[in-house]
Amino acid sequence: MSTLTVLRYEQGRPMLFAGIRRKHTFAKMGQDIPRQWEDFIKLGKLPGQVGTTGYGAICGADPGTQTMEYM
């Protein structure tokens, strides 16, 4: 089994992110992250929101516990 790692770095204006931050296991993140997006979409437009582009960010990963935080 191969794994695909995608890294993207951008240079641009500072941005403020808002969202739902949750901890996921590596094993279940493929099921749980789409649910997290569904919950986020239910929030509707956020105060101060500019545009409609959404971003996902891994806030931390711990290989020892096989967990990561996603926002």
Protein backbone atom coordinates (compact mmCIF):
# COMPACT_ATOMS: atom_id res chain seq x y z
CA MET A 1 0.00 0.00 0.00
CA SER A 2 1.38 3.42 -0.90
CA THR A 3 0.58 6.69 0.79
CA LEU A 4 0.25 10.04 -0.88
CA THR A 5 1.51 13.09 0.94
CA VAL A 6 0.41 16.46 -0.35
CA LEU A 7 2.06 19.56 1.04
CA ARG A 8 1.10 23.02 -0.03
CA TYR A 9 2.76 26.21 1.07
CA GLU A 10 1.37 29.60 0.14
CA GLN A 11 2.79 33.08 0.44
CA GLY A 12 0.16 35.75 0.71
CA ARG A 13 -1.76 38.04 2.96
CA PRO A 14 -2.37 37.07 6.59
CA MET A 15 -5.60 35.18 7.12
CA LEU A 16 -7.72 34.46 10.18
CA PHE A 17 -9.20 30.97 10.37
CA ALA A 18 -12.33 29.93 12.24
CA GLY A 19 -13.88 26.52 12.44
CA ILE A 20 -14.47 23.37 14.41
CA ARG A 21 -11.33 21.76 15.79
CA ARG A 22 -11.52 18.05 16.60
CA LYS A 23 -9.14 15.23 17.43
CA HIS A 24 -9.27 12.18 15.13
CA THR A 25 -7.55 8.83 15.03
CA PHE A 26 -5.55 8.05 11.92
CA ALA A 27 -7.69 4.95 11.41
CA LYS A 28 -11.03 6.80 11.37
CA MET A 29 -10.13 10.23 10.00
CA GLY A 30 -11.35 9.29 6.51
CA GLN A 31 -14.85 8.81 7.95
CA ASP A 32 -14.80 11.47 10.66
CA ILE A 33 -13.41 14.48 8.76
CA PRO A 34 -16.26 14.53 6.19
CA ARG A 35 -18.70 14.56 9.15
CA GLN A 36 -16.76 17.45 10.64
CA TRP A 37 -17.18 19.38 7.37
CA GLU A 38 -20.93 18.66 7.44
CA ASP A 39 -21.13 20.09 10.97
CA PHE A 40 -19.12 23.14 9.91
CA ILE A 41 -21.37 23.85 6.92
CA LYS A 42 -24.39 23.80 9.24
CA LEU A 43 -22.94 26.84 11.04
CA GLY A 44 -23.68 28.98 7.98
CA LYS A 45 -21.85 32.22 7.27
CA LEU A 46 -19.51 33.20 10.08
CA PRO A 47 -19.15 36.77 11.41
CA GLY A 48 -16.43 38.53 9.42
CA GLN A 49 -16.32 35.81 6.76
CA VAL A 50 -14.82 36.90 3.45
CA GLY A 51 -15.71 34.82 0.40
CA THR A 52 -16.79 31.20 0.29
CA THR A 53 -13.51 29.29 0.08
CA GLY A 54 -13.01 26.67 2.79
CA TYR A 55 -9.72 25.32 4.07
CA GLY A 56 -8.85 22.30 6.17
CA ALA A 57 -5.82 22.35 8.43
CA ILE A 58 -4.10 19.65 10.44
CA CYS A 59 -3.29 21.40 13.70
CA GLY A 60 -1.21 18.67 15.21
CA ALA A 61 -0.39 15.03 14.76
CA ASP A 62 0.92 12.51 17.26
CA PRO A 63 2.28 9.35 15.62
CA GLY A 64 2.69 7.81 19.09
CA THR A 65 -1.05 7.86 19.79
CA GLN A 66 -2.03 7.69 16.10
CA THR A 67 -4.12 10.87 16.44
CA MET A 68 -4.31 14.27 14.84
CA GLU A 69 -6.29 17.46 15.25
CA TYR A 70 -8.10 18.90 12.27
CA MET A 71 -9.78 22.23 11.77
